[in-house]
PDB file of N, CA and C in Angstrom:
ATOM      1  N   MET A   1    -202.629-110.136 169.084  1.00  0.00           N
ATOM      2  CA  MET A   1    -202.800-109.394 170.300  1.00  0.00           C
ATOM      3  C   MET A   1    -201.470-109.396 171.059  1.00  0.00           C
ATOM      4  N   PRO A   2    -200.895-108.227 171.330  1.00  0.00           N
ATOM      5  CA  PRO A   2    -199.644-108.155 172.080  1.00  0.00           C
ATOM      6  C   PRO A   2    -199.843-108.592 173.530  1.00  0.00           C
ATOM      7  N   ALA A   3    -198.831-109.198 174.074  1.00  0.00           N
ATOM      8  CA  ALA A   3    -198.860-109.615 175.474  1.00  0.00           C
ATOM      9  C   ALA A   3    -197.470-109.478 176.047  1.00  0.00           C
ATOM     10  N   SER A   4    -197.413-109.277 177.338  1.00  0.00           N
ATOM     11  CA  SER A   4    -196.141-109.178 178.034  1.00  0.00           C
ATOM     12  C   SER A   4    -196.266-109.889 179.372  1.00  0.00           C
ATOM     13  N   MET A   5    -195.186-110.537 179.782  1.00  0.00           N
ATOM     14  CA  MET A   5    -195.208-111.271 181.038  1.00  0.00           C
ATOM     15  C   MET A   5    -193.822-111.158 181.675  1.00  0.00           C
ATOM     16  N   ALA A   6    -193.790-111.034 182.973  1.00  0.00           N
ATOM     17  CA  ALA A   6    -192.518-111.028 183.699  1.00  0.00           C
ATOM     18  C   ALA A   6    -192.642-111.989 184.877  1.00  0.00           C
ATOM     19  N   LEU A   7    -191.662-112.847 185.021  1.00  0.00           N
ATOM     20  CA  LEU A   7    -191.582-113.757 186.154  1.00  0.00           C
ATOM     21  C   LEU A   7    -190.232-113.533 186.811  1.00  0.00           C
ATOM     22  N   TYR A   8    -190.238-113.247 188.087  1.00  0.00           N
ATOM     23  CA  TYR A   8    -189.007-113.002 188.820  1.00  0.00           C
ATOM     24  C   TYR A   8    -188.750-114.172 189.758  1.00  0.00           C
ATOM     25  N   ALA A   9    -187.630-114.826 189.541  1.00  0.00           N
ATOM     26  CA  ALA A   9    -187.289-116.012 190.323  1.00  0.00           C
ATOM     27  C   ALA A   9    -186.836-115.633 191.725  1.00  0.00           C
ATOM     28  N   ASN A  10    -187.139-116.522 192.668  1.00  0.00           N
ATOM     29  CA  ASN A  10    -186.631-116.388 194.031  1.00  0.00           C
ATOM     30  C   ASN A  10    -186.302-117.789 194.540  1.00  0.00           C
ATOM     31  N   ALA A  11    -186.050-117.901 195.818  1.00  0.00           N
ATOM     32  CA  ALA A  11    -185.640-119.197 196.376  1.00  0.00           C
ATOM     33  C   ALA A  11    -186.723-120.267 196.255  1.00  0.00           C
ATOM     34  N   GLU A  12    -187.976-119.876 196.057  1.00  0.00           N
ATOM     35  CA  GLU A  12    -189.070-120.842 195.948  1.00  0.00           C
ATOM     36  C   GLU A  12    -189.402-121.212 194.501  1.00  0.00           C
ATOM     37  N   THR A  13    -188.722-120.601 193.551  1.00  0.00           N
ATOM     38  CA  THR A  13    -188.985-120.868 192.141  1.00  0.00           C
ATOM     39  C   THR A  13    -188.394-122.214 191.752  1.00  0.00           C
ATOM     40  N   ARG A  14    -189.192-122.995 191.038  1.00  0.00           N
ATOM     41  CA  ARG A  14    -188.757-124.303 190.541  1.00  0.00           C
ATOM     42  C   ARG A  14    -188.742-124.288 189.027  1.00  0.00           C
ATOM     43  N   ILE A  15    -187.750-124.955 188.473  1.00  0.00           N
ATOM     44  CA  ILE A  15    -187.676-125.198 187.035  1.00  0.00           C
ATOM     45  C   ILE A  15    -187.751-126.702 186.853  1.00  0.00           C
ATOM     46  N   ASP A  16    -188.686-127.162 186.056  1.00  0.00           N
ATOM     47  CA  ASP A  16    -188.871-128.595 185.836  1.00  0.00           C
ATOM     48  C   ASP A  16    -188.929-128.893 184.345  1.00  0.00           C
ATOM     49  N   LEU A  17    -188.291-129.969 183.962  1.00  0.00           N
ATOM     50  CA  LEU A  17    -188.335-130.450 182.592  1.00  0.00           C
ATOM     51  C   LEU A  17    -189.136-131.741 182.569  1.00  0.00           C
ATOM     52  N   SER A  18    -190.152-131.780 181.731  1.00  0.00           N
ATOM     53  CA  SER A  18    -190.943-133.000 181.537  1.00  0.00           C
ATOM     54  C   SER A  18    -190.610-133.552 180.161  1.00  0.00           C
ATOM     55  N   THR A  19    -190.143-134.787 180.131  1.00  0.00           N
ATOM     56  CA  THR A  19    -189.804-135.405 178.849  1.00  0.00           C
ATOM     57  C   THR A  19    -190.694-136.614 178.605  1.00  0.00           C
ATOM     58  N   TYR A  20    -190.891-136.904 177.346  1.00  0.00           N
ATOM     59  CA  TYR A  20    -191.794-137.982 176.943  1.00  0.00           C
ATOM     60  C   TYR A  20    -191.149-138.891 175.901  1.00  0.00           C
ATOM     61  N   GLY A  21    -189.829-138.952 175.910  1.00  0.00           N
ATOM     62  CA  GLY A  21    -189.129-139.791 174.937  1.00  0.00           C
ATOM     63  C   GLY A  21    -189.431-139.355 173.518  1.00  0.00           C
ATOM     64  N   THR A  22    -189.786-140.300 172.691  1.00  0.00           N
ATOM     65  CA  THR A  22    -190.082-139.993 171.290  1.00  0.00           C
ATOM     66  C   THR A  22    -191.576-139.826 171.037  1.00  0.00           C
ATOM     67  N   GLU A  23    -192.378-139.902 172.107  1.00  0.00           N
ATOM     68  CA  GLU A  23    -193.839-139.812 171.960  1.00  0.00           C
ATOM     69  C   GLU A  23    -194.333-138.387 171.692  1.00  0.00           C
ATOM     70  N   ARG A  24    -193.692-137.396 172.358  1.00  0.00           N
ATOM     71  CA  ARG A  24    -194.084-136.003 172.165  1.00  0.00           C
ATOM     72  C   ARG A  24    -192.965-135.094 172.628  1.00  0.00           C
ATOM     73  N   ALA A  25    -193.080-133.831 172.285  1.00  0.00           N
ATOM     74  CA  ALA A  25    -192.043-132.848 172.617  1.00  0.00           C
ATOM     75  C   ALA A  25    -192.001-132.600 174.127  1.00  0.00           C
ATOM     76  N   PRO A  26    -190.835-132.225 174.639  1.00  0.00           N
ATOM     77  CA  PRO A  26    -190.714-131.948 176.070  1.00  0.00           C
ATOM     78  C   PRO A  26    -191.391-130.630 176.453  1.00  0.00           C
ATOM     79  N   LEU A  27    -191.617-130.467 177.742  1.00  0.00           N
ATOM     80  CA  LEU A  27    -192.165-129.229 178.291  1.00  0.00           C
ATOM     81  C   LEU A  27    -191.204-128.718 179.356  1.00  0.00           C
ATOM     82  N   LEU A  28    -191.027-127.416 179.402  1.00  0.00           N
ATOM     83  CA  LEU A  28    -190.197-126.779 180.418  1.00  0.00           C
ATOM     84  C   LEU A  28    -191.115-125.920 181.269  1.00  0.00           C
ATOM     85  N   GLY A  29    -191.097-126.143 182.568  1.00  0.00           N
ATOM     86  CA  GLY A  29    -191.999-125.409 183.451  1.00  0.00           C
ATOM     87  C   GLY A  29    -191.256-124.595 184.490  1.00  0.00           C
ATOM     88  N   MET A  30    -191.844-123.477 184.873  1.00  0.00           N
ATOM     89  CA  MET A  30    -191.369-122.664 185.982  1.00  0.00           C
ATOM     90  C   MET A  30    -192.562-122.449 186.887  1.00  0.00           C
ATOM     91  N   SER A  31    -192.368-122.649 188.179  1.00  0.00           N
ATOM     92  CA  SER A  31    -193.480-122.465 189.100  1.00  0.00           C
ATOM     93  C   SER A  31    -192.980-121.927 190.434  1.00  0.00           C
ATOM     94  N   GLY A  32    -193.891-121.328 191.150  1.00  0.00           N
ATOM     95  CA  GLY A  32    -193.630-120.792 192.473  1.00  0.00           C
ATOM     96  C   GLY A  32    -194.953-120.606 193.172  1.00  0.00           C
ATOM     97  N   PRO A  33    -194.929-120.001 194.350  1.00  0.00           N
ATOM     98  CA  PRO A  33    -196.179-119.799 195.084  1.00  0.00           C
ATOM     99  C   PRO A  33    -197.184-118.961 194.274  1.00  0.00           C
ATOM    100  N   GLY A  34    -198.274-119.577 193.898  1.00  0.00           N
ATOM    101  CA  GLY A  34    -199.342-118.866 193.217  1.00  0.00           C
ATOM    102  C   GLY A  34    -199.209-118.723 191.717  1.00  0.00           C
ATOM    103  N   TYR A  35    -198.194-119.336 191.105  1.00  0.00           N
ATOM    104  CA  TYR A  35    -198.100-119.223 189.653  1.00  0.00           C
ATOM    105  C   TYR A  35    -197.402-120.450 189.064  1.00  0.00           C
ATOM    106  N   SER A  36    -197.668-120.660 187.790  1.00  0.00           N
ATOM    107  CA  SER A  36    -196.912-121.648 187.025  1.00  0.00           C
ATOM    108  C   SER A  36    -196.894-121.188 185.573  1.00  0.00           C
ATOM    109  N   PHE A  37    -195.850-121.559 184.886  1.00  0.00           N
ATOM    110  CA  PHE A  37    -195.642-121.173 183.501  1.00  0.00           C
ATOM    111  C   PHE A  37    -195.043-122.374 182.791  1.00  0.00           C
ATOM    112  N   THR A  38    -195.593-122.745 181.662  1.00  0.00           N
ATOM    113  CA  THR A  38    -195.081-123.878 180.902  1.00  0.00           C
ATOM    114  C   THR A  38    -194.701-123.425 179.509  1.00  0.00           C
ATOM    115  N   LEU A  39    -193.525-123.852 179.084  1.00  0.00           N
ATOM    116  CA  LEU A  39    -193.012-123.521 177.764  1.00  0.00           C
ATOM    117  C   LEU A  39    -192.897-124.815 176.973  1.00  0.00           C
ATOM    118  N   GLY A  40    -193.491-124.825 175.821  1.00  0.00           N
ATOM    119  CA  GLY A  40    -193.430-126.019 174.986  1.00  0.00           C
ATOM    120  C   GLY A  40    -193.549-125.634 173.526  1.00  0.00           C
ATOM    121  N   SER A  41    -193.520-126.623 172.693  1.00  0.00           N
ATOM    122  CA  SER A  41    -193.702-126.386 171.267  1.00  0.00           C
ATOM    123  C   SER A  41    -194.955-127.132 170.825  1.00  0.00           C
ATOM    124  N   HIS A  42    -195.518-126.662 169.757  1.00  0.00           N
ATOM    125  CA  HIS A  42    -196.772-127.238 169.275  1.00  0.00           C
ATOM    126  C   HIS A  42    -196.508-128.040 168.010  1.00  0.00           C
ATOM    127  N   SER A  43    -197.241-129.093 167.834  1.00  0.00           N
ATOM    128  CA  SER A  43    -197.013-129.994 166.701  1.00  0.00           C
ATOM    129  C   SER A  43    -197.229-129.329 165.342  1.00  0.00           C
ATOM    130  N   HIS A  44    -197.953-128.204 165.297  1.00  0.00           N
ATOM    131  CA  HIS A  44    -198.159-127.555 164.000  1.00  0.00           C
ATOM    132  C   HIS A  44    -196.972-126.673 163.601  1.00  0.00           C
ATOM    133  N   VAL A  45    -196.009-126.486 164.519  1.00  0.00           N
ATOM    134  CA  VAL A  45    -194.812-125.703 164.221  1.00  0.00           C
ATOM    135  C   VAL A  45    -193.760-126.659 163.654  1.00  0.00           C
ATOM    136  N   PRO A  46    -193.134-126.304 162.528  1.00  0.00           N
ATOM    137  CA  PRO A  46    -192.113-127.198 161.964  1.00  0.00           C
ATOM    138  C   PRO A  46    -191.019-127.520 162.991  1.00  0.00           C
ATOM    139  N   LEU A  47    -190.569-128.764 162.986  1.00  0.00           N
ATOM    140  CA  LEU A  47    -189.571-129.211 163.948  1.00  0.00           C
ATOM    141  C   LEU A  47    -188.300-128.369 163.866  1.00  0.00           C
ATOM    142  N   ALA A  48    -187.899-127.963 162.683  1.00  0.00           N
ATOM    143  CA  ALA A  48    -186.704-127.124 162.539  1.00  0.00           C
ATOM    144  C   ALA A  48    -186.879-125.805 163.292  1.00  0.00           C
ATOM    145  N   ASP A  49    -188.074-125.235 163.263  1.00  0.00           N
ATOM    146  CA  ASP A  49    -188.342-123.989 163.995  1.00  0.00           C
ATOM    147  C   ASP A  49    -188.340-124.232 165.501  1.00  0.00           C
ATOM    148  N   GLN A  50    -188.869-125.367 165.925  1.00  0.00           N
ATOM    149  CA  GLN A  50    -188.856-125.708 167.345  1.00  0.00           C
ATOM    150  C   GLN A  50    -187.414-125.850 167.844  1.00  0.00           C
ATOM    151  N   LEU A  51    -186.583-126.517 167.070  1.00  0.00           N
ATOM    152  CA  LEU A  51    -185.178-126.696 167.450  1.00  0.00           C
ATOM    153  C   LEU A  51    -184.440-125.359 167.466  1.00  0.00           C
ATOM    154  N   ALA A  52    -184.704-124.499 166.501  1.00  0.00           N
ATOM    155  CA  ALA A  52    -184.061-123.176 166.467  1.00  0.00           C
ATOM    156  C   ALA A  52    -184.440-122.380 167.710  1.00  0.00           C
ATOM    157  N   PHE A  53    -185.708-122.438 168.097  1.00  0.00           N
ATOM    158  CA  PHE A  53    -186.150-121.745 169.298  1.00  0.00           C
ATOM    159  C   PHE A  53    -185.446-122.304 170.529  1.00  0.00           C
ATOM    160  N   ALA A  54    -185.386-123.630 170.660  1.00  0.00           N
ATOM    161  CA  ALA A  54    -184.754-124.255 171.822  1.00  0.00           C
ATOM    162  C   ALA A  54    -183.270-123.904 171.892  1.00  0.00           C
ATOM    163  N   ARG A  55    -182.602-123.862 170.761  1.00  0.00           N
ATOM    164  CA  ARG A  55    -181.182-123.479 170.750  1.00  0.00           C
ATOM    165  C   ARG A  55    -181.004-122.028 171.167  1.00  0.00           C
ATOM    166  N   SER A  56    -181.885-121.161 170.705  1.00  0.00           N
ATOM    167  CA  SER A  56    -181.831-119.759 171.108  1.00  0.00           C
ATOM    168  C   SER A  56    -182.099-119.612 172.601  1.00  0.00           C
ATOM    169  N   LEU A  57    -183.058-120.371 173.110  1.00  0.00           N
ATOM    170  CA  LEU A  57    -183.357-120.350 174.543  1.00  0.00           C
ATOM    171  C   LEU A  57    -182.135-120.793 175.345  1.00  0.00           C
ATOM    172  N   ALA A  58    -181.482-121.862 174.927  1.00  0.00           N
ATOM    173  CA  ALA A  58    -180.296-122.360 175.627  1.00  0.00           C
ATOM    174  C   ALA A  58    -179.164-121.334 175.586  1.00  0.00           C
ATOM    175  N   GLU A  59    -178.937-120.742 174.432  1.00  0.00           N
ATOM    176  CA  GLU A  59    -177.873-119.748 174.298  1.00  0.00           C
ATOM    177  C   GLU A  59    -178.145-118.525 175.175  1.00  0.00           C
ATOM    178  N   ASN A  60    -179.373-118.030 175.142  1.00  0.00           N
ATOM    179  CA  ASN A  60    -179.707-116.864 175.950  1.00  0.00           C
ATOM    180  C   ASN A  60    -179.719-117.186 177.442  1.00  0.00           C
ATOM    181  N   SER A  61    -180.077-118.404 177.802  1.00  0.00           N
ATOM    182  CA  SER A  61    -180.018-118.819 179.209  1.00  0.00           C
ATOM    183  C   SER A  61    -178.576-118.839 179.697  1.00  0.00           C
ATOM    184  N   ALA A  62    -177.664-119.343 178.870  1.00  0.00           N
ATOM    185  CA  ALA A  62    -176.238-119.354 179.232  1.00  0.00           C
ATOM    186  C   ALA A  62    -175.713-117.929 179.363  1.00  0.00           C
ATOM    187  N   ASP A  63    -176.130-117.049 178.459  1.00  0.00           N
ATOM    188  CA  ASP A  63    -175.716-115.647 178.530  1.00  0.00           C
ATOM    189  C   ASP A  63    -176.291-114.973 179.773  1.00  0.00           C
ATOM    190  N   PHE A  64    -177.535-115.310 180.138  1.00  0.00           N
ATOM    191  CA  PHE A  64    -178.157-114.773 181.346  1.00  0.00           C
ATOM    192  C   PHE A  64    -177.356-115.185 182.571  1.00  0.00           C
ATOM    193  N   LEU A  65    -176.972-116.452 182.631  1.00  0.00           N
ATOM    194  CA  LEU A  65    -176.184-116.952 183.752  1.00  0.00           C
ATOM    195  C   LEU A  65    -174.850-116.219 183.839  1.00  0.00           C
ATOM    196  N   ALA A  66    -174.163-116.060 182.730  1.00  0.00           N
ATOM    197  CA  ALA A  66    -172.878-115.364 182.729  1.00  0.00           C
ATOM    198  C   ALA A  66    -173.033-113.921 183.197  1.00  0.00           C
ATOM    199  N   ALA A  67    -174.068-113.236 182.723  1.00  0.00           N
ATOM    200  CA  ALA A  67    -174.302-111.849 183.121  1.00  0.00           C
ATOM    201  C   ALA A  67    -174.647-111.751 184.610  1.00  0.00           C
ATOM    202  N   LEU A  68    -175.443-112.704 185.106  1.00  0.00           N
ATOM    203  CA  LEU A  68    -175.806-112.690 186.522  1.00  0.00           C
ATOM    204  C   LEU A  68    -174.595-113.000 187.397  1.00  0.00           C
ATOM    205  N   GLU A  69    -173.731-113.916 186.963  1.00  0.00           N
ATOM    206  CA  GLU A  69    -172.512-114.209 187.719  1.00  0.00           C
ATOM    207  C   GLU A  69    -171.589-112.999 187.759  1.00  0.00           C
ATOM    208  N   LEU A  70    -171.479-112.272 186.653  1.00  0.00           N
ATOM    209  CA  LEU A  70    -170.686-111.047 186.611  1.00  0.00           C
ATOM    210  C   LEU A  70    -171.258-110.016 187.581  1.00  0.00           C
ATOM    211  N   PHE A  71    -172.570-109.831 187.531  1.00  0.00           N
ATOM    212  CA  PHE A  71    -173.249-108.904 188.439  1.00  0.00           C
ATOM    213  C   PHE A  71    -173.023-109.297 189.892  1.00  0.00           C
ATOM    214  N   ALA A  72    -173.168-110.579 190.203  1.00  0.00           N
ATOM    215  CA  ALA A  72    -173.006-111.055 191.573  1.00  0.00           C
ATOM    216  C   ALA A  72    -171.577-110.837 192.069  1.00  0.00           C
ATOM    217  N   ALA A  73    -170.606-111.105 191.217  1.00  0.00           N
ATOM    218  CA  ALA A  73    -169.211-110.918 191.616  1.00  0.00           C
ATOM    219  C   ALA A  73    -168.909-109.447 191.903  1.00  0.00           C
ATOM    220  N   ALA A  74    -169.486-108.558 191.126  1.00  0.00           N
ATOM    221  CA  ALA A  74    -169.240-107.121 191.303  1.00  0.00           C
ATOM    222  C   ALA A  74    -170.041-106.523 192.448  1.00  0.00           C
ATOM    223  N   ASN A  75    -171.098-107.204 192.872  1.00  0.00           N
ATOM    224  CA  ASN A  75    -172.003-106.635 193.880  1.00  0.00           C
ATOM    225  C   ASN A  75    -172.175-107.533 195.099  1.00  0.00           C
ATOM    226  N   ALA A  76    -171.248-108.420 195.333  1.00  0.00           N
ATOM    227  CA  ALA A  76    -171.391-109.383 196.423  1.00  0.00           C
ATOM    228  C   ALA A  76    -171.595-108.704 197.775  1.00  0.00           C
ATOM    229  N   ASP A  77    -171.004-107.528 197.961  1.00  0.00           N
ATOM    230  CA  ASP A  77    -171.135-106.831 199.245  1.00  0.00           C
ATOM    231  C   ASP A  77    -172.369-105.941 199.332  1.00  0.00           C
ATOM    232  N   THR A  78    -173.041-105.700 198.203  1.00  0.00           N
ATOM    233  CA  THR A  78    -174.167-104.769 198.212  1.00  0.00           C
ATOM    234  C   THR A  78    -175.511-105.434 198.015  1.00  0.00           C
ATOM    235  N   VAL A  79    -175.535-106.638 197.497  1.00  0.00           N
ATOM    236  CA  VAL A  79    -176.800-107.339 197.267  1.00  0.00           C
ATOM    237  C   VAL A  79    -177.092-108.210 198.487  1.00  0.00           C
ATOM    238  N   PRO A  80    -178.217-107.970 199.157  1.00  0.00           N
ATOM    239  CA  PRO A  80    -178.510-108.765 200.350  1.00  0.00           C
ATOM    240  C   PRO A  80    -178.671-110.239 200.039  1.00  0.00           C
ATOM    241  N   ALA A  81    -178.053-111.074 200.838  1.00  0.00           N
ATOM    242  CA  ALA A  81    -178.232-112.524 200.706  1.00  0.00           C
ATOM    243  C   ALA A  81    -179.459-112.930 201.464  1.00  0.00           C
ATOM    244  N   LYS A  82    -180.124-113.974 201.001  1.00  0.00           N
ATOM    245  CA  LYS A  82    -181.332-114.439 201.680  1.00  0.00           C
ATOM    246  C   LYS A  82    -181.080-115.732 202.380  1.00  0.00           C
TER     247      LYS A  82
END
């Protein structure tokens, strides 16, 4: 079943990492007023696939930051500050 979700961060958005040492895989959460989203891996997924996903997430997050910094630098006078 196809699904789509969009979460738009604002000043009230929190990102939290929950770690459990070697007992279980970590969870990454995003939450704000009226919503929460948790990203994790499941034990039935091979660990190599979980690591590949996490590396892709980290790489794309770094690229997102770079693109947003470029956008902010080019639009500092046009994007309203909060």
